[in-house]
Structure formats: C-alpha cells, structure tokens
Amino acid sequence: MEATTTKSDPRVLRTRQLILDAFTTLIQEKDFKDITVKDITEKATINRATFYAHFLDKYELLDLTLLDGFRDTLHQRLSCHAVFNENSLSSLFYVMCQYHQELSGQCAKNYESLGDHFQNKMIEAVYDVILHLLEHETNPKDEHIAIATSLSWGIYGASYTWNKEGRKRSVEELIEQIVPMWIGGLEHYFKE
C-alpha cells in the first residue's frame, strides 16, 4: 500500500518552502511580469509538475507570499478589538501603512507594477475586517457596507499616497491627522 502525502508531510512542507524561498528571491531581482514558473522551479530545484502540485500559477504564489501575510497581520493586530471604534480604525490604518512600507522595500522593482493586483485584494481584506467589526452594530446593513467601502478605500489610498510620497511624517503623525477626519463623520458609530 502506497502512503499518501498530506499538507503536513515534512517533504511537502519542505518543497513548499523551497518554492516560497525561490519566489521571494526572484521577486526582489526581477519584475513580476518577467518571472516564469520555469524561473521559480529552477531556483527551487524542483520540476514543473511539483510546482503545479502546490500552486495553480505564479499569481496564487504571489498572493500566498505577500497578501496572506497582510491578512494575518490585520487579524493579529485587531484580535483585541471586538468593536468598531477609534482604536480599531487606527490599527487598520497603521497596518496598511506598515504593509505599504514593507512591500515597497521588499519588492521595490514590483511595487508599482503590482499595484492594481495588491490594491484590490488589500482593500477587500480591510473591507472584510470593517464589516466584521460592524456586524454587532444595530444600524442597517446597507450603512455598514457604505462605511466599509468608503473607509477601506480611504485607508488604502491615504497609506499608498503616504508611502509613494516618501513617508515624510511618521505613521503615528499620519494617523493623528487623518483618523479624526474619518471619526468626525462617523461619531455615532463609535463605542467608548
């Protein structure tokens, strides 16, 4: 009887890590659009079939490598926030700023070219978190959707601009300036 491999099998985990490491190295050296599965497999010293046993394509690998870390950071940072308030909003904004800063440093050659891909997924992650924080509020669901939509785009846009313009002030200073503007229009939603 042949043993089946699972995602927790050490060989599977090692191979997956080889792929992730190879991709992380390549994304720092080349534009994402120029990276091929062949480049990844050669760097990881595996064959194409092995790559495809782990990932659909390089976009899935990109999402796992860069966006899953963002989602994990969001959830870790906000785990202590059970309600939608000034602290949870500031934490969301802080995580987004930090992620833009790390991403532009880690993937300098790809930061601009991957913007659209990251933008939509990052906004969606923030949107989901805001909706989750609002789900205990008694206001109508359509108001929650409007709030989550406008704030997720605002958080992304402000943090992206802050990073693109050279981070001329600290994240904390940016939060002090911008979060009160958002709070002013949402005061009746915040819990003390």
C-alpha atoms as a PDB file:
ATOM      1  CA  MET A   1       0.000   0.000   0.000  1.00  0.00           C
ATOM      2  CA  GLU A   2       1.369   3.409  -1.012  1.00  0.00           C
ATOM      3  CA  ALA A   3       1.421   6.146   1.614  1.00  0.00           C
ATOM      4  CA  THR A   4      -0.431   9.308   0.744  1.00  0.00           C
ATOM      5  CA  THR A   5       1.141  12.679   1.310  1.00  0.00           C
ATOM      6  CA  THR A   6      -0.625  15.432   3.142  1.00  0.00           C
ATOM      7  CA  LYS A   7      -0.038  19.124   3.541  1.00  0.00           C
ATOM      8  CA  SER A   8       1.567  18.443   6.925  1.00  0.00           C
ATOM      9  CA  ASP A   9       4.001  15.878   5.499  1.00  0.00           C
ATOM     10  CA  PRO A  10       7.540  17.215   6.127  1.00  0.00           C
ATOM     11  CA  ARG A  11       8.500  16.598   2.481  1.00  0.00           C
ATOM     12  CA  VAL A  12       5.532  18.602   1.267  1.00  0.00           C
ATOM     13  CA  LEU A  13       6.313  21.407   3.706  1.00  0.00           C
ATOM     14  CA  ARG A  14       9.990  21.464   2.664  1.00  0.00           C
ATOM     15  CA  THR A  15       9.098  21.576  -1.034  1.00  0.00           C
ATOM     16  CA  ARG A  16       6.571  24.324  -0.451  1.00  0.00           C
ATOM     17  CA  GLN A  17       9.172  26.313   1.472  1.00  0.00           C
ATOM     18  CA  LEU A  18      11.690  25.850  -1.365  1.00  0.00           C
ATOM     19  CA  ILE A  19       9.135  27.316  -3.773  1.00  0.00           C
ATOM     20  CA  LEU A  20       8.335  30.237  -1.460  1.00  0.00           C
ATOM     21  CA  ASP A  21      12.008  30.995  -0.876  1.00  0.00           C
ATOM     22  CA  ALA A  22      12.791  30.851  -4.597  1.00  0.00           C
ATOM     23  CA  PHE A  23       9.904  33.174  -5.385  1.00  0.00           C
ATOM     24  CA  THR A  24      10.851  35.620  -2.618  1.00  0.00           C
ATOM     25  CA  THR A  25      14.373  35.831  -4.024  1.00  0.00           C
ATOM     26  CA  LEU A  26      13.184  36.241  -7.609  1.00  0.00           C
ATOM     27  CA  ILE A  27      10.637  38.966  -6.800  1.00  0.00           C
ATOM     28  CA  GLN A  28      13.469  41.060  -5.383  1.00  0.00           C
ATOM     29  CA  GLU A  29      15.576  40.568  -8.514  1.00  0.00           C
ATOM     30  CA  LYS A  30      13.087  40.762 -11.392  1.00  0.00           C
ATOM     31  CA  ASP A  31       9.804  42.330 -12.370  1.00  0.00           C
ATOM     32  CA  PHE A  32       6.941  40.007 -11.516  1.00  0.00           C
ATOM     33  CA  LYS A  33       5.734  40.007 -15.123  1.00  0.00           C
ATOM     34  CA  ASP A  34       9.134  38.634 -16.183  1.00  0.00           C
ATOM     35  CA  ILE A  35       9.196  35.811 -13.639  1.00  0.00           C
ATOM     36  CA  THR A  36       8.176  32.483 -15.128  1.00  0.00           C
ATOM     37  CA  VAL A  37       7.261  29.201 -13.491  1.00  0.00           C
ATOM     38  CA  LYS A  38      10.449  27.872 -15.070  1.00  0.00           C
ATOM     39  CA  ASP A  39      12.474  30.538 -13.200  1.00  0.00           C
ATOM     40  CA  ILE A  40      10.820  29.522  -9.935  1.00  0.00           C
ATOM     41  CA  THR A  41      11.311  25.782 -10.469  1.00  0.00           C
ATOM     42  CA  GLU A  42      14.954  26.207 -11.439  1.00  0.00           C
ATOM     43  CA  LYS A  43      15.660  28.367  -8.396  1.00  0.00           C
ATOM     44  CA  ALA A  44      13.813  25.908  -6.134  1.00  0.00           C
ATOM     45  CA  THR A  45      15.432  22.893  -7.839  1.00  0.00           C
ATOM     46  CA  ILE A  46      12.106  21.183  -8.476  1.00  0.00           C
ATOM     47  CA  ASN A  47      10.205  20.254 -11.634  1.00  0.00           C
ATOM     48  CA  ARG A  48       7.136  21.961 -13.075  1.00  0.00           C
ATOM     49  CA  ALA A  49       4.795  19.161 -12.024  1.00  0.00           C
ATOM     50  CA  THR A  50       5.897  19.632  -8.423  1.00  0.00           C
ATOM     51  CA  PHE A  51       5.267  23.366  -8.658  1.00  0.00           C
ATOM     52  CA  TYR A  52       1.749  22.773 -10.029  1.00  0.00           C
ATOM     53  CA  ALA A  53       1.053  20.224  -7.300  1.00  0.00           C
ATOM     54  CA  HIS A  54       1.401  23.124  -4.845  1.00  0.00           C
ATOM     55  CA  PHE A  55       0.183  26.184  -6.786  1.00  0.00           C
ATOM     56  CA  LEU A  56      -2.133  26.929  -9.697  1.00  0.00           C
ATOM     57  CA  ASP A  57       0.174  29.603 -11.067  1.00  0.00           C
ATOM     58  CA  LYS A  58       2.555  32.372 -10.076  1.00  0.00           C
ATOM     59  CA  TYR A  59      -0.364  34.630  -9.084  1.00  0.00           C
ATOM     60  CA  GLU A  60      -1.520  32.204  -6.415  1.00  0.00           C
ATOM     61  CA  LEU A  61       2.071  32.050  -5.180  1.00  0.00           C
ATOM     62  CA  LEU A  62       2.219  35.850  -5.139  1.00  0.00           C
ATOM     63  CA  ASP A  63      -0.968  36.037  -3.096  1.00  0.00           C
ATOM     64  CA  LEU A  64       0.256  33.478  -0.609  1.00  0.00           C
ATOM     65  CA  THR A  65       3.664  35.079  -0.280  1.00  0.00           C
ATOM     66  CA  LEU A  66       2.662  38.708   0.074  1.00  0.00           C
ATOM     67  CA  LEU A  67      -1.058  39.064   0.734  1.00  0.00           C
ATOM     68  CA  ASP A  68      -1.565  36.288   3.263  1.00  0.00           C
ATOM     69  CA  GLY A  69       0.999  37.986   5.486  1.00  0.00           C
ATOM     70  CA  PHE A  70      -1.029  41.187   5.277  1.00  0.00           C
ATOM     71  CA  ARG A  71      -4.251  39.395   6.217  1.00  0.00           C
ATOM     72  CA  ASP A  72      -2.530  37.619   9.107  1.00  0.00           C
ATOM     73  CA  THR A  73      -1.118  40.907  10.411  1.00  0.00           C
ATOM     74  CA  LEU A  74      -4.560  42.519  10.202  1.00  0.00           C
ATOM     75  CA  HIS A  75      -6.161  39.742  12.204  1.00  0.00           C
ATOM     76  CA  GLN A  76      -3.362  39.644  14.799  1.00  0.00           C
ATOM     77  CA  ARG A  77      -3.355  43.393  15.290  1.00  0.00           C
ATOM     78  CA  LEU A  78      -7.144  43.583  15.563  1.00  0.00           C
ATOM     79  CA  SER A  79      -7.732  40.475  17.641  1.00  0.00           C
ATOM     80  CA  CYS A  80      -8.137  42.635  20.729  1.00  0.00           C
ATOM     81  CA  HIS A  81     -10.669  44.907  19.013  1.00  0.00           C
ATOM     82  CA  ALA A  82     -14.148  43.433  19.206  1.00  0.00           C
ATOM     83  CA  VAL A  83     -15.886  46.656  18.270  1.00  0.00           C
ATOM     84  CA  PHE A  84     -15.651  49.349  15.663  1.00  0.00           C
ATOM     85  CA  ASN A  85     -14.045  52.346  17.346  1.00  0.00           C
ATOM     86  CA  GLU A  86     -11.204  54.837  17.019  1.00  0.00           C
ATOM     87  CA  ASN A  87      -8.607  52.301  18.170  1.00  0.00           C
ATOM     88  CA  SER A  88      -9.658  49.640  15.671  1.00  0.00           C
ATOM     89  CA  LEU A  89      -9.715  52.209  12.867  1.00  0.00           C
ATOM     90  CA  SER A  90      -6.260  53.486  13.841  1.00  0.00           C
ATOM     91  CA  SER A  91      -4.936  49.914  13.958  1.00  0.00           C
ATOM     92  CA  LEU A  92      -6.283  49.176  10.494  1.00  0.00           C
ATOM     93  CA  PHE A  93      -4.653  52.302   9.131  1.00  0.00           C
ATOM     94  CA  TYR A  94      -1.372  51.534  10.902  1.00  0.00           C
ATOM     95  CA  VAL A  95      -1.197  48.006   9.470  1.00  0.00           C
ATOM     96  CA  MET A  96      -1.905  49.290   5.963  1.00  0.00           C
ATOM     97  CA  CYS A  97       0.834  51.932   6.199  1.00  0.00           C
ATOM     98  CA  GLN A  98       3.342  49.435   7.539  1.00  0.00           C
ATOM     99  CA  TYR A  99       2.478  46.960   4.825  1.00  0.00           C
ATOM    100  CA  HIS A 100       2.959  49.536   2.050  1.00  0.00           C
ATOM    101  CA  GLN A 101       6.316  50.463   3.533  1.00  0.00           C
ATOM    102  CA  GLU A 102       7.450  46.817   3.787  1.00  0.00           C
ATOM    103  CA  LEU A 103       6.126  45.898   0.351  1.00  0.00           C
ATOM    104  CA  SER A 104       7.837  48.799  -1.396  1.00  0.00           C
ATOM    105  CA  GLY A 105      11.107  47.858   0.312  1.00  0.00           C
ATOM    106  CA  GLN A 106      10.785  44.137  -0.226  1.00  0.00           C
ATOM    107  CA  CYS A 107       9.580  44.333  -3.821  1.00  0.00           C
ATOM    108  CA  ALA A 108      10.971  47.654  -4.997  1.00  0.00           C
ATOM    109  CA  LYS A 109      11.015  46.607  -8.661  1.00  0.00           C
ATOM    110  CA  ASN A 110       7.437  45.368  -8.490  1.00  0.00           C
ATOM    111  CA  TYR A 111       5.727  47.821  -6.175  1.00  0.00           C
ATOM    112  CA  GLU A 112       4.262  49.972  -8.937  1.00  0.00           C
ATOM    113  CA  SER A 113       3.620  47.180 -11.448  1.00  0.00           C
ATOM    114  CA  LEU A 114       1.741  45.053  -8.916  1.00  0.00           C
ATOM    115  CA  GLY A 115      -0.269  47.971  -7.598  1.00  0.00           C
ATOM    116  CA  ASP A 116      -3.591  47.022  -9.150  1.00  0.00           C
ATOM    117  CA  HIS A 117      -3.275  43.404  -8.079  1.00  0.00           C
ATOM    118  CA  PHE A 118      -2.456  44.321  -4.482  1.00  0.00           C
ATOM    119  CA  GLN A 119      -4.810  47.261  -4.288  1.00  0.00           C
ATOM    120  CA  ASN A 120      -7.988  45.288  -4.835  1.00  0.00           C
ATOM    121  CA  LYS A 121      -7.012  42.436  -2.540  1.00  0.00           C
ATOM    122  CA  MET A 122      -5.801  44.700   0.266  1.00  0.00           C
ATOM    123  CA  ILE A 123      -8.917  46.862   0.083  1.00  0.00           C
ATOM    124  CA  GLU A 124     -11.044  43.713   0.167  1.00  0.00           C
ATOM    125  CA  ALA A 125      -9.217  42.448   3.280  1.00  0.00           C
ATOM    126  CA  VAL A 126      -9.748  45.772   5.108  1.00  0.00           C
ATOM    127  CA  TYR A 127     -13.373  45.900   3.937  1.00  0.00           C
ATOM    128  CA  ASP A 128     -13.988  42.415   5.390  1.00  0.00           C
ATOM    129  CA  VAL A 129     -12.448  43.391   8.735  1.00  0.00           C
ATOM    130  CA  ILE A 130     -14.534  46.577   8.977  1.00  0.00           C
ATOM    131  CA  LEU A 131     -17.735  44.685   8.121  1.00  0.00           C
ATOM    132  CA  HIS A 132     -16.875  42.129  10.795  1.00  0.00           C
ATOM    133  CA  LEU A 133     -16.330  44.886  13.375  1.00  0.00           C
ATOM    134  CA  LEU A 134     -19.639  46.491  12.395  1.00  0.00           C
ATOM    135  CA  GLU A 135     -21.717  43.314  12.473  1.00  0.00           C
ATOM    136  CA  HIS A 136     -22.713  43.882  16.126  1.00  0.00           C
ATOM    137  CA  GLU A 137     -23.967  47.393  15.414  1.00  0.00           C
ATOM    138  CA  THR A 138     -27.721  47.932  15.119  1.00  0.00           C
ATOM    139  CA  ASN A 139     -27.581  50.224  12.102  1.00  0.00           C
ATOM    140  CA  PRO A 140     -28.914  48.913   8.783  1.00  0.00           C
ATOM    141  CA  LYS A 141     -26.656  46.528   6.842  1.00  0.00           C
ATOM    142  CA  ASP A 142     -26.533  48.863   3.810  1.00  0.00           C
ATOM    143  CA  GLU A 143     -24.983  51.549   6.041  1.00  0.00           C
ATOM    144  CA  HIS A 144     -22.328  49.052   7.154  1.00  0.00           C
ATOM    145  CA  ILE A 145     -21.499  48.309   3.523  1.00  0.00           C
ATOM    146  CA  ALA A 146     -21.209  52.020   2.710  1.00  0.00           C
ATOM    147  CA  ILE A 147     -18.957  52.644   5.712  1.00  0.00           C
ATOM    148  CA  ALA A 148     -16.746  49.626   4.998  1.00  0.00           C
ATOM    149  CA  THR A 149     -16.452  50.585   1.337  1.00  0.00           C
ATOM    150  CA  SER A 150     -15.509  54.218   1.902  1.00  0.00           C
ATOM    151  CA  LEU A 151     -13.127  53.511   4.783  1.00  0.00           C
ATOM    152  CA  SER A 152     -11.343  50.611   3.109  1.00  0.00           C
ATOM    153  CA  TRP A 153     -10.670  52.714   0.004  1.00  0.00           C
ATOM    154  CA  GLY A 154      -9.718  55.721   2.151  1.00  0.00           C
ATOM    155  CA  ILE A 155      -7.317  53.700   4.287  1.00  0.00           C
ATOM    156  CA  TYR A 156      -5.690  52.174   1.229  1.00  0.00           C
ATOM    157  CA  GLY A 157      -5.467  55.483  -0.657  1.00  0.00           C
ATOM    158  CA  ALA A 158      -4.073  57.521   2.224  1.00  0.00           C
ATOM    159  CA  SER A 159      -1.470  54.897   3.122  1.00  0.00           C
ATOM    160  CA  TYR A 160      -0.444  54.366  -0.505  1.00  0.00           C
ATOM    161  CA  THR A 161      -0.015  58.113  -1.043  1.00  0.00           C
ATOM    162  CA  TRP A 162       1.920  58.455   2.227  1.00  0.00           C
ATOM    163  CA  ASN A 163       4.332  55.747   1.110  1.00  0.00           C
ATOM    164  CA  LYS A 164       4.619  56.913  -2.507  1.00  0.00           C
ATOM    165  CA  GLU A 165       5.415  60.478  -1.424  1.00  0.00           C
ATOM    166  CA  GLY A 166       8.345  59.286   0.672  1.00  0.00           C
ATOM    167  CA  ARG A 167       6.795  58.890   4.137  1.00  0.00           C
ATOM    168  CA  LYS A 168       7.565  62.493   5.097  1.00  0.00           C
ATOM    169  CA  ARG A 169       5.993  62.002   8.516  1.00  0.00           C
ATOM    170  CA  SER A 170       5.620  59.033  10.824  1.00  0.00           C
ATOM    171  CA  VAL A 171       2.704  56.641  10.669  1.00  0.00           C
ATOM    172  CA  GLU A 172       1.609  57.917  14.061  1.00  0.00           C
ATOM    173  CA  GLU A 173       1.533  61.535  12.817  1.00  0.00           C
ATOM    174  CA  LEU A 174      -0.465  60.467   9.767  1.00  0.00           C
ATOM    175  CA  ILE A 175      -2.952  58.627  11.974  1.00  0.00           C
ATOM    176  CA  GLU A 176      -3.298  61.684  14.217  1.00  0.00           C
ATOM    177  CA  GLN A 177      -4.072  63.810  11.183  1.00  0.00           C
ATOM    178  CA  ILE A 178      -6.393  61.562   9.196  1.00  0.00           C
ATOM    179  CA  VAL A 179      -8.291  59.358  11.649  1.00  0.00           C
ATOM    180  CA  PRO A 180     -10.026  62.361  13.310  1.00  0.00           C
ATOM    181  CA  MET A 181     -11.386  63.371   9.891  1.00  0.00           C
ATOM    182  CA  TRP A 182     -12.946  59.934   9.471  1.00  0.00           C
ATOM    183  CA  ILE A 183     -14.212  59.892  13.045  1.00  0.00           C
ATOM    184  CA  GLY A 184     -15.906  63.257  12.628  1.00  0.00           C
ATOM    185  CA  GLY A 185     -18.255  61.784  10.062  1.00  0.00           C
ATOM    186  CA  LEU A 186     -18.776  58.537  11.931  1.00  0.00           C
ATOM    187  CA  GLU A 187     -19.059  59.589  15.562  1.00  0.00           C
ATOM    188  CA  HIS A 188     -22.407  57.925  16.113  1.00  0.00           C
ATOM    189  CA  TYR A 189     -20.879  54.535  15.198  1.00  0.00           C
ATOM    190  CA  PHE A 190     -18.039  54.578  17.673  1.00  0.00           C
ATOM    191  CA  LYS A 191     -18.373  52.963  21.069  1.00  0.00           C
ATOM    192  CA  GLU A 192     -16.478  54.297  24.032  1.00  0.00           C
END
